[in-house]
Amino acid sequence: MPTRLRGWSVKRTAALGITAQFLALIRILGEVFRVKYFDPDRFTLAVLEPFIGTALFTAIFVAVGVVAFATGRFRFALTIAVVNIGALFVYKLAML
């Protein structure tokens, strides 16, 4: 089983995937504060509910990816990262 993926190791690619998930989580949580401070009239649970749901979804996937990475299952961690980021893109397109 090769441990290289077009010049990059699978371990490095999985680490980049986990980093991308963390950045997406920070971006999602940042939206809550943006709504709170820059549009306080819209600061209701109904408006924040999609952000809270996606933040929880992403946090769970990040936790699974980090555990997989820590146990040496780099391909599984990379798969989790790709599925998470892909699901976030699909959700964003569906909400437009």
PDB file of N, CA and C in Angstrom:
ATOM      1  N   MET A   1       0.843  -1.165   0.000  1.00  0.00           N
ATOM      2  CA  MET A   1       0.000   0.000   0.000  1.00  0.00           C
ATOM      3  C   MET A   1       0.898   1.241   0.000  1.00  0.00           C
ATOM      4  N   PRO A   2       0.796   2.079  -1.038  1.00  0.00           N
ATOM      5  CA  PRO A   2       1.686   3.239  -1.107  1.00  0.00           C
ATOM      6  C   PRO A   2       1.306   4.286  -0.067  1.00  0.00           C
ATOM      7  N   THR A   3       2.344   4.923   0.450  1.00  0.00           N
ATOM      8  CA  THR A   3       2.100   5.985   1.430  1.00  0.00           C
ATOM      9  C   THR A   3       2.292   7.358   0.815  1.00  0.00           C
ATOM     10  N   ARG A   4       2.414   7.405  -0.497  1.00  0.00           N
ATOM     11  CA  ARG A   4       2.580   8.672  -1.192  1.00  0.00           C
ATOM     12  C   ARG A   4       1.360   8.949  -2.057  1.00  0.00           C
ATOM     13  N   LEU A   5       1.013  10.204  -2.156  1.00  0.00           N
ATOM     14  CA  LEU A   5      -0.130  10.610  -2.964  1.00  0.00           C
ATOM     15  C   LEU A   5       0.331  11.769  -3.833  1.00  0.00           C
ATOM     16  N   ARG A   6       0.849  11.463  -5.021  1.00  0.00           N
ATOM     17  CA  ARG A   6       1.337  12.472  -5.970  1.00  0.00           C
ATOM     18  C   ARG A   6       2.368  13.410  -5.350  1.00  0.00           C
ATOM     19  N   GLY A   7       3.377  12.865  -4.740  1.00  0.00           N
ATOM     20  CA  GLY A   7       4.448  13.690  -4.186  1.00  0.00           C
ATOM     21  C   GLY A   7       4.232  14.091  -2.742  1.00  0.00           C
ATOM     22  N   TRP A   8       3.019  14.054  -2.283  1.00  0.00           N
ATOM     23  CA  TRP A   8       2.717  14.391  -0.893  1.00  0.00           C
ATOM     24  C   TRP A   8       2.462  13.095  -0.142  1.00  0.00           C
ATOM     25  N   SER A   9       2.881  13.031   1.090  1.00  0.00           N
ATOM     26  CA  SER A   9       2.561  11.856   1.880  1.00  0.00           C
ATOM     27  C   SER A   9       1.103  11.934   2.321  1.00  0.00           C
ATOM     28  N   VAL A  10       0.530  10.796   2.554  1.00  0.00           N
ATOM     29  CA  VAL A  10      -0.860  10.752   3.006  1.00  0.00           C
ATOM     30  C   VAL A  10      -0.976  11.416   4.373  1.00  0.00           C
ATOM     31  N   LYS A  11       0.046  11.259   5.203  1.00  0.00           N
ATOM     32  CA  LYS A  11       0.034  11.875   6.531  1.00  0.00           C
ATOM     33  C   LYS A  11      -0.035  13.402   6.427  1.00  0.00           C
ATOM     34  N   ARG A  12       0.754  13.973   5.543  1.00  0.00           N
ATOM     35  CA  ARG A  12       0.755  15.435   5.384  1.00  0.00           C
ATOM     36  C   ARG A  12      -0.573  15.922   4.809  1.00  0.00           C
ATOM     37  N   THR A  13      -1.123  15.174   3.863  1.00  0.00           N
ATOM     38  CA  THR A  13      -2.404  15.551   3.275  1.00  0.00           C
ATOM     39  C   THR A  13      -3.522  15.461   4.309  1.00  0.00           C
ATOM     40  N   ALA A  14      -3.484  14.440   5.152  1.00  0.00           N
ATOM     41  CA  ALA A  14      -4.493  14.316   6.207  1.00  0.00           C
ATOM     42  C   ALA A  14      -4.362  15.468   7.206  1.00  0.00           C
ATOM     43  N   ALA A  15      -3.135  15.854   7.527  1.00  0.00           N
ATOM     44  CA  ALA A  15      -2.932  16.989   8.435  1.00  0.00           C
ATOM     45  C   ALA A  15      -3.488  18.276   7.826  1.00  0.00           C
ATOM     46  N   LEU A  16      -3.294  18.462   6.523  1.00  0.00           N
ATOM     47  CA  LEU A  16      -3.869  19.628   5.854  1.00  0.00           C
ATOM     48  C   LEU A  16      -5.399  19.578   5.864  1.00  0.00           C
ATOM     49  N   GLY A  17      -5.956  18.391   5.693  1.00  0.00           N
ATOM     50  CA  GLY A  17      -7.407  18.246   5.737  1.00  0.00           C
ATOM     51  C   GLY A  17      -7.978  18.584   7.106  1.00  0.00           C
ATOM     52  N   ILE A  18      -7.298  18.143   8.151  1.00  0.00           N
ATOM     53  CA  ILE A  18      -7.747  18.458   9.508  1.00  0.00           C
ATOM     54  C   ILE A  18      -7.625  19.957   9.771  1.00  0.00           C
ATOM     55  N   THR A  19      -6.556  20.564   9.277  1.00  0.00           N
ATOM     56  CA  THR A  19      -6.389  22.008   9.427  1.00  0.00           C
ATOM     57  C   THR A  19      -7.506  22.760   8.708  1.00  0.00           C
ATOM     58  N   ALA A  20      -7.864  22.312   7.521  1.00  0.00           N
ATOM     59  CA  ALA A  20      -8.962  22.940   6.782  1.00  0.00           C
ATOM     60  C   ALA A  20     -10.274  22.819   7.546  1.00  0.00           C
ATOM     61  N   GLN A  21     -10.490  21.687   8.191  1.00  0.00           N
ATOM     62  CA  GLN A  21     -11.708  21.517   8.993  1.00  0.00           C
ATOM     63  C   GLN A  21     -11.728  22.485  10.171  1.00  0.00           C
ATOM     64  N   PHE A  22     -10.597  22.634  10.844  1.00  0.00           N
ATOM     65  CA  PHE A  22     -10.527  23.586  11.957  1.00  0.00           C
ATOM     66  C   PHE A  22     -10.800  25.004  11.478  1.00  0.00           C
ATOM     67  N   LEU A  23     -10.225  25.378  10.351  1.00  0.00           N
ATOM     68  CA  LEU A  23     -10.467  26.715   9.812  1.00  0.00           C
ATOM     69  C   LEU A  23     -11.936  26.911   9.442  1.00  0.00           C
ATOM     70  N   ALA A  24     -12.558  25.883   8.905  1.00  0.00           N
ATOM     71  CA  ALA A  24     -13.990  25.970   8.587  1.00  0.00           C
ATOM     72  C   ALA A  24     -14.814  26.126   9.860  1.00  0.00           C
ATOM     73  N   LEU A  25     -14.433  25.416  10.910  1.00  0.00           N
ATOM     74  CA  LEU A  25     -15.140  25.537  12.186  1.00  0.00           C
ATOM     75  C   LEU A  25     -15.006  26.944  12.760  1.00  0.00           C
ATOM     76  N   ILE A  26     -13.814  27.506  12.687  1.00  0.00           N
ATOM     77  CA  ILE A  26     -13.606  28.873  13.166  1.00  0.00           C
ATOM     78  C   ILE A  26     -14.434  29.853  12.347  1.00  0.00           C
ATOM     79  N   ARG A  27     -14.507  29.643  11.050  1.00  0.00           N
ATOM     80  CA  ARG A  27     -15.296  30.522  10.179  1.00  0.00           C
ATOM     81  C   ARG A  27     -16.776  30.439  10.526  1.00  0.00           C
ATOM     82  N   ILE A  28     -17.270  29.245  10.767  1.00  0.00           N
ATOM     83  CA  ILE A  28     -18.683  29.076  11.118  1.00  0.00           C
ATOM     84  C   ILE A  28     -18.989  29.772  12.442  1.00  0.00           C
ATOM     85  N   LEU A  29     -18.141  29.562  13.436  1.00  0.00           N
ATOM     86  CA  LEU A  29     -18.375  30.196  14.733  1.00  0.00           C
ATOM     87  C   LEU A  29     -18.198  31.704  14.659  1.00  0.00           C
ATOM     88  N   GLY A  30     -17.348  32.169  13.764  1.00  0.00           N
ATOM     89  CA  GLY A  30     -17.181  33.608  13.566  1.00  0.00           C
ATOM     90  C   GLY A  30     -18.439  34.262  13.029  1.00  0.00           C
ATOM     91  N   GLU A  31     -19.225  33.527  12.254  1.00  0.00           N
ATOM     92  CA  GLU A  31     -20.476  34.068  11.723  1.00  0.00           C
ATOM     93  C   GLU A  31     -21.463  34.397  12.841  1.00  0.00           C
ATOM     94  N   VAL A  32     -21.453  33.608  13.901  1.00  0.00           N
ATOM     95  CA  VAL A  32     -22.349  33.887  15.035  1.00  0.00           C
ATOM     96  C   VAL A  32     -22.016  35.247  15.620  1.00  0.00           C
ATOM     97  N   PHE A  33     -20.733  35.529  15.802  1.00  0.00           N
ATOM     98  CA  PHE A  33     -20.329  36.817  16.362  1.00  0.00           C
ATOM     99  C   PHE A  33     -20.552  37.955  15.376  1.00  0.00           C
ATOM    100  N   ARG A  34     -20.427  37.666  14.088  1.00  0.00           N
ATOM    101  CA  ARG A  34     -20.703  38.700  13.092  1.00  0.00           C
ATOM    102  C   ARG A  34     -22.165  39.123  13.165  1.00  0.00           C
ATOM    103  N   VAL A  35     -23.054  38.152  13.249  1.00  0.00           N
ATOM    104  CA  VAL A  35     -24.478  38.472  13.342  1.00  0.00           C
ATOM    105  C   VAL A  35     -24.762  39.209  14.649  1.00  0.00           C
ATOM    106  N   LYS A  36     -24.138  38.772  15.734  1.00  0.00           N
ATOM    107  CA  LYS A  36     -24.389  39.376  17.045  1.00  0.00           C
ATOM    108  C   LYS A  36     -23.975  40.843  17.090  1.00  0.00           C
ATOM    109  N   TYR A  37     -22.808  41.158  16.555  1.00  0.00           N
ATOM    110  CA  TYR A  37     -22.276  42.512  16.716  1.00  0.00           C
ATOM    111  C   TYR A  37     -22.542  43.430  15.539  1.00  0.00           C
ATOM    112  N   PHE A  38     -22.732  42.910  14.331  1.00  0.00           N
ATOM    113  CA  PHE A  38     -22.925  43.761  13.176  1.00  0.00           C
ATOM    114  C   PHE A  38     -24.354  43.789  12.670  1.00  0.00           C
ATOM    115  N   ASP A  39     -25.190  42.892  13.146  1.00  0.00           N
ATOM    116  CA  ASP A  39     -26.603  42.881  12.778  1.00  0.00           C
ATOM    117  C   ASP A  39     -27.421  42.394  13.977  1.00  0.00           C
ATOM    118  N   PRO A  40     -27.419  43.170  15.067  1.00  0.00           N
ATOM    119  CA  PRO A  40     -28.070  42.693  16.304  1.00  0.00           C
ATOM    120  C   PRO A  40     -29.575  42.493  16.182  1.00  0.00           C
ATOM    121  N   ASP A  41     -30.217  43.119  15.200  1.00  0.00           N
ATOM    122  CA  ASP A  41     -31.661  42.931  15.028  1.00  0.00           C
ATOM    123  C   ASP A  41     -31.987  41.504  14.590  1.00  0.00           C
ATOM    124  N   ARG A  42     -31.059  40.862  13.902  1.00  0.00           N
ATOM    125  CA  ARG A  42     -31.271  39.490  13.418  1.00  0.00           C
ATOM    126  C   ARG A  42     -30.758  38.447  14.402  1.00  0.00           C
ATOM    127  N   PHE A  43     -30.244  38.842  15.538  1.00  0.00           N
ATOM    128  CA  PHE A  43     -29.635  37.911  16.492  1.00  0.00           C
ATOM    129  C   PHE A  43     -30.715  37.141  17.244  1.00  0.00           C
ATOM    130  N   THR A  44     -31.274  36.142  16.558  1.00  0.00           N
ATOM    131  CA  THR A  44     -32.297  35.290  17.151  1.00  0.00           C
ATOM    132  C   THR A  44     -31.879  33.834  16.951  1.00  0.00           C
ATOM    133  N   LEU A  45     -32.517  32.958  17.685  1.00  0.00           N
ATOM    134  CA  LEU A  45     -32.199  31.537  17.567  1.00  0.00           C
ATOM    135  C   LEU A  45     -32.523  31.013  16.174  1.00  0.00           C
ATOM    136  N   ALA A  46     -33.558  31.519  15.570  1.00  0.00           N
ATOM    137  CA  ALA A  46     -33.935  31.064  14.224  1.00  0.00           C
ATOM    138  C   ALA A  46     -32.842  31.374  13.199  1.00  0.00           C
ATOM    139  N   VAL A  47     -32.191  32.518  13.354  1.00  0.00           N
ATOM    140  CA  VAL A  47     -31.122  32.902  12.427  1.00  0.00           C
ATOM    141  C   VAL A  47     -29.853  32.120  12.736  1.00  0.00           C
ATOM    142  N   LEU A  48     -29.585  31.865  14.011  1.00  0.00           N
ATOM    143  CA  LEU A  48     -28.344  31.201  14.413  1.00  0.00           C
ATOM    144  C   LEU A  48     -28.407  29.683  14.319  1.00  0.00           C
ATOM    145  N   GLU A  49     -29.580  29.127  14.203  1.00  0.00           N
ATOM    146  CA  GLU A  49     -29.730  27.671  14.196  1.00  0.00           C
ATOM    147  C   GLU A  49     -28.910  26.967  13.107  1.00  0.00           C
ATOM    148  N   PRO A  50     -28.879  27.455  11.870  1.00  0.00           N
ATOM    149  CA  PRO A  50     -28.045  26.778  10.861  1.00  0.00           C
ATOM    150  C   PRO A  50     -26.558  26.808  11.219  1.00  0.00           C
ATOM    151  N   PHE A  51     -26.086  27.898  11.804  1.00  0.00           N
ATOM    152  CA  PHE A  51     -24.680  27.994  12.188  1.00  0.00           C
ATOM    153  C   PHE A  51     -24.346  27.036  13.323  1.00  0.00           C
ATOM    154  N   ILE A  52     -25.253  26.919  14.275  1.00  0.00           N
ATOM    155  CA  ILE A  52     -25.018  26.025  15.414  1.00  0.00           C
ATOM    156  C   ILE A  52     -25.002  24.571  14.941  1.00  0.00           C
ATOM    157  N   GLY A  53     -25.912  24.214  14.059  1.00  0.00           N
ATOM    158  CA  GLY A  53     -25.955  22.853  13.540  1.00  0.00           C
ATOM    159  C   GLY A  53     -24.719  22.485  12.741  1.00  0.00           C
ATOM    160  N   THR A  54     -24.289  23.382  11.857  1.00  0.00           N
ATOM    161  CA  THR A  54     -23.095  23.088  11.066  1.00  0.00           C
ATOM    162  C   THR A  54     -21.834  23.100  11.919  1.00  0.00           C
ATOM    163  N   ALA A  55     -21.797  23.942  12.939  1.00  0.00           N
ATOM    164  CA  ALA A  55     -20.638  23.947  13.846  1.00  0.00           C
ATOM    165  C   ALA A  55     -20.553  22.629  14.611  1.00  0.00           C
ATOM    166  N   LEU A  56     -21.682  22.120  15.062  1.00  0.00           N
ATOM    167  CA  LEU A  56     -21.692  20.838  15.764  1.00  0.00           C
ATOM    168  C   LEU A  56     -21.280  19.702  14.823  1.00  0.00           C
ATOM    169  N   PHE A  57     -21.824  19.697  13.624  1.00  0.00           N
ATOM    170  CA  PHE A  57     -21.475  18.702  12.610  1.00  0.00           C
ATOM    171  C   PHE A  57     -19.974  18.718  12.334  1.00  0.00           C
ATOM    172  N   THR A  58     -19.420  19.910  12.134  1.00  0.00           N
ATOM    173  CA  THR A  58     -17.997  20.042  11.829  1.00  0.00           C
ATOM    174  C   THR A  58     -17.142  19.659  13.022  1.00  0.00           C
ATOM    175  N   ALA A  59     -17.547  20.046  14.224  1.00  0.00           N
ATOM    176  CA  ALA A  59     -16.769  19.702  15.415  1.00  0.00           C
ATOM    177  C   ALA A  59     -16.690  18.187  15.611  1.00  0.00           C
ATOM    178  N   ILE A  60     -17.779  17.490  15.355  1.00  0.00           N
ATOM    179  CA  ILE A  60     -17.766  16.029  15.485  1.00  0.00           C
ATOM    180  C   ILE A  60     -16.845  15.411  14.444  1.00  0.00           C
ATOM    181  N   PHE A  61     -16.910  15.887  13.214  1.00  0.00           N
ATOM    182  CA  PHE A  61     -16.039  15.363  12.175  1.00  0.00           C
ATOM    183  C   PHE A  61     -14.573  15.678  12.451  1.00  0.00           C
ATOM    184  N   VAL A  62     -14.296  16.855  12.989  1.00  0.00           N
ATOM    185  CA  VAL A  62     -12.920  17.198  13.345  1.00  0.00           C
ATOM    186  C   VAL A  62     -12.417  16.259  14.438  1.00  0.00           C
ATOM    187  N   ALA A  63     -13.251  15.995  15.441  1.00  0.00           N
ATOM    188  CA  ALA A  63     -12.845  15.096  16.521  1.00  0.00           C
ATOM    189  C   ALA A  63     -12.556  13.699  15.997  1.00  0.00           C
ATOM    190  N   VAL A  64     -13.402  13.202  15.114  1.00  0.00           N
ATOM    191  CA  VAL A  64     -13.174  11.874  14.535  1.00  0.00           C
ATOM    192  C   VAL A  64     -11.893  11.877  13.702  1.00  0.00           C
ATOM    193  N   GLY A  65     -11.673  12.929  12.936  1.00  0.00           N
ATOM    194  CA  GLY A  65     -10.466  13.028  12.126  1.00  0.00           C
ATOM    195  C   GLY A  65      -9.203  13.102  12.957  1.00  0.00           C
ATOM    196  N   VAL A  66      -9.239  13.843  14.045  1.00  0.00           N
ATOM    197  CA  VAL A  66      -8.065  13.953  14.918  1.00  0.00           C
ATOM    198  C   VAL A  66      -7.770  12.617  15.592  1.00  0.00           C
ATOM    199  N   VAL A  67      -8.806  11.925  16.048  1.00  0.00           N
ATOM    200  CA  VAL A  67      -8.599  10.609  16.667  1.00  0.00           C
ATOM    201  C   VAL A  67      -8.022   9.630  15.645  1.00  0.00           C
ATOM    202  N   ALA A  68      -8.556   9.646  14.434  1.00  0.00           N
ATOM    203  CA  ALA A  68      -8.036   8.757  13.385  1.00  0.00           C
ATOM    204  C   ALA A  68      -6.581   9.099  13.076  1.00  0.00           C
ATOM    205  N   PHE A  69      -6.261  10.375  13.009  1.00  0.00           N
ATOM    206  CA  PHE A  69      -4.892  10.795  12.734  1.00  0.00           C
ATOM    207  C   PHE A  69      -3.959  10.375  13.865  1.00  0.00           C
ATOM    208  N   ALA A  70      -4.400  10.540  15.091  1.00  0.00           N
ATOM    209  CA  ALA A  70      -3.569  10.198  16.250  1.00  0.00           C
ATOM    210  C   ALA A  70      -3.320   8.696  16.352  1.00  0.00           C
ATOM    211  N   THR A  71      -4.243   7.900  15.857  1.00  0.00           N
ATOM    212  CA  THR A  71      -4.066   6.446  15.913  1.00  0.00           C
ATOM    213  C   THR A  71      -3.376   5.891  14.667  1.00  0.00           C
ATOM    214  N   GLY A  72      -2.950   6.782  13.768  1.00  0.00           N
ATOM    215  CA  GLY A  72      -2.199   6.342  12.599  1.00  0.00           C
ATOM    216  C   GLY A  72      -3.036   5.949  11.405  1.00  0.00           C
ATOM    217  N   ARG A  73      -4.309   6.237  11.431  1.00  0.00           N
ATOM    218  CA  ARG A  73      -5.194   5.902  10.299  1.00  0.00           C
ATOM    219  C   ARG A  73      -5.344   7.147   9.419  1.00  0.00           C
ATOM    220  N   PHE A  74      -4.266   7.458   8.710  1.00  0.00           N
ATOM    221  CA  PHE A  74      -4.185   8.705   7.955  1.00  0.00           C
ATOM    222  C   PHE A  74      -5.163   8.754   6.791  1.00  0.00           C
ATOM    223  N   ARG A  75      -5.354   7.642   6.105  1.00  0.00           N
ATOM    224  CA  ARG A  75      -6.302   7.627   4.988  1.00  0.00           C
ATOM    225  C   ARG A  75      -7.731   7.855   5.474  1.00  0.00           C
ATOM    226  N   PHE A  76      -8.076   7.279   6.607  1.00  0.00           N
ATOM    227  CA  PHE A  76      -9.414   7.493   7.160  1.00  0.00           C
ATOM    228  C   PHE A  76      -9.587   8.955   7.592  1.00  0.00           C
ATOM    229  N   ALA A  77      -8.547   9.534   8.196  1.00  0.00           N
ATOM    230  CA  ALA A  77      -8.606  10.946   8.589  1.00  0.00           C
ATOM    231  C   ALA A  77      -8.771  11.839   7.361  1.00  0.00           C
ATOM    232  N   LEU A  78      -8.075  11.508   6.294  1.00  0.00           N
ATOM    233  CA  LEU A  78      -8.203  12.270   5.058  1.00  0.00           C
ATOM    234  C   LEU A  78      -9.601  12.115   4.464  1.00  0.00           C
ATOM    235  N   THR A  79     -10.143  10.916   4.502  1.00  0.00           N
ATOM    236  CA  THR A  79     -11.502  10.684   3.998  1.00  0.00           C
ATOM    237  C   THR A  79     -12.526  11.486   4.798  1.00  0.00           C
ATOM    238  N   ILE A  80     -12.371  11.495   6.104  1.00  0.00           N
ATOM    239  CA  ILE A  80     -13.281  12.276   6.960  1.00  0.00           C
ATOM    240  C   ILE A  80     -13.194  13.756   6.615  1.00  0.00           C
ATOM    241  N   ALA A  81     -11.986  14.259   6.400  1.00  0.00           N
ATOM    242  CA  ALA A  81     -11.813  15.671   6.058  1.00  0.00           C
ATOM    243  C   ALA A  81     -12.484  16.004   4.733  1.00  0.00           C
ATOM    244  N   VAL A  82     -12.304  15.146   3.740  1.00  0.00           N
ATOM    245  CA  VAL A  82     -12.900  15.387   2.422  1.00  0.00           C
ATOM    246  C   VAL A  82     -14.428  15.340   2.511  1.00  0.00           C
ATOM    247  N   VAL A  83     -14.960  14.378   3.235  1.00  0.00           N
ATOM    248  CA  VAL A  83     -16.419  14.278   3.389  1.00  0.00           C
ATOM    249  C   VAL A  83     -16.963  15.507   4.118  1.00  0.00           C
ATOM    250  N   ASN A  84     -16.276  15.944   5.156  1.00  0.00           N
ATOM    251  CA  ASN A  84     -16.730  17.106   5.931  1.00  0.00           C
ATOM    252  C   ASN A  84     -16.733  18.371   5.079  1.00  0.00           C
ATOM    253  N   ILE A  85     -15.627  18.656   4.421  1.00  0.00           N
ATOM    254  CA  ILE A  85     -15.547  19.867   3.606  1.00  0.00           C
ATOM    255  C   ILE A  85     -16.538  19.782   2.443  1.00  0.00           C
ATOM    256  N   GLY A  86     -16.666  18.618   1.842  1.00  0.00           N
ATOM    257  CA  GLY A  86     -17.643  18.449   0.768  1.00  0.00           C
ATOM    258  C   GLY A  86     -19.068  18.677   1.242  1.00  0.00           C
ATOM    259  N   ALA A  87     -19.396  18.154   2.411  1.00  0.00           N
ATOM    260  CA  ALA A  87     -20.748  18.349   2.964  1.00  0.00           C
ATOM    261  C   ALA A  87     -21.003  19.814   3.274  1.00  0.00           C
ATOM    262  N   LEU A  88     -19.989  20.518   3.758  1.00  0.00           N
ATOM    263  CA  LEU A  88     -20.153  21.939   4.035  1.00  0.00           C
ATOM    264  C   LEU A  88     -20.392  22.738   2.746  1.00  0.00           C
ATOM    265  N   PHE A  89     -19.689  22.380   1.659  1.00  0.00           N
ATOM    266  CA  PHE A  89     -19.918  23.040   0.367  1.00  0.00           C
ATOM    267  C   PHE A  89     -21.331  22.770  -0.143  1.00  0.00           C
ATOM    268  N   VAL A  90     -21.767  21.534  -0.051  1.00  0.00           N
ATOM    269  CA  VAL A  90     -23.115  21.181  -0.504  1.00  0.00           C
ATOM    270  C   VAL A  90     -24.160  21.941   0.331  1.00  0.00           C
ATOM    271  N   TYR A  91     -23.963  21.999   1.635  1.00  0.00           N
ATOM    272  CA  TYR A  91     -24.898  22.715   2.511  1.00  0.00           C
ATOM    273  C   TYR A  91     -24.939  24.200   2.158  1.00  0.00           C
ATOM    274  N   LYS A  92     -23.762  24.786   1.912  1.00  0.00           N
ATOM    275  CA  LYS A  92     -23.704  26.197   1.569  1.00  0.00           C
ATOM    276  C   LYS A  92     -24.445  26.456   0.258  1.00  0.00           C
ATOM    277  N   LEU A  93     -24.236  25.599  -0.733  1.00  0.00           N
ATOM    278  CA  LEU A  93     -24.931  25.775  -2.010  1.00  0.00           C
ATOM    279  C   LEU A  93     -26.440  25.589  -1.863  1.00  0.00           C
ATOM    280  N   ALA A  94     -26.844  24.685  -0.978  1.00  0.00           N
ATOM    281  CA  ALA A  94     -28.276  24.458  -0.756  1.00  0.00           C
ATOM    282  C   ALA A  94     -28.932  25.634  -0.046  1.00  0.00           C
ATOM    283  N   MET A  95     -28.162  26.346   0.769  1.00  0.00           N
ATOM    284  CA  MET A  95     -28.715  27.472   1.532  1.00  0.00           C
ATOM    285  C   MET A  95     -28.702  28.783   0.765  1.00  0.00           C
ATOM    286  N   LEU A  96     -28.072  28.821  -0.414  1.00  0.00           N
ATOM    287  CA  LEU A  96     -28.039  30.069  -1.191  1.00  0.00           C
ATOM    288  C   LEU A  96     -29.345  30.440  -1.782  1.00  0.00           C
TER     289      LEU A  96
END
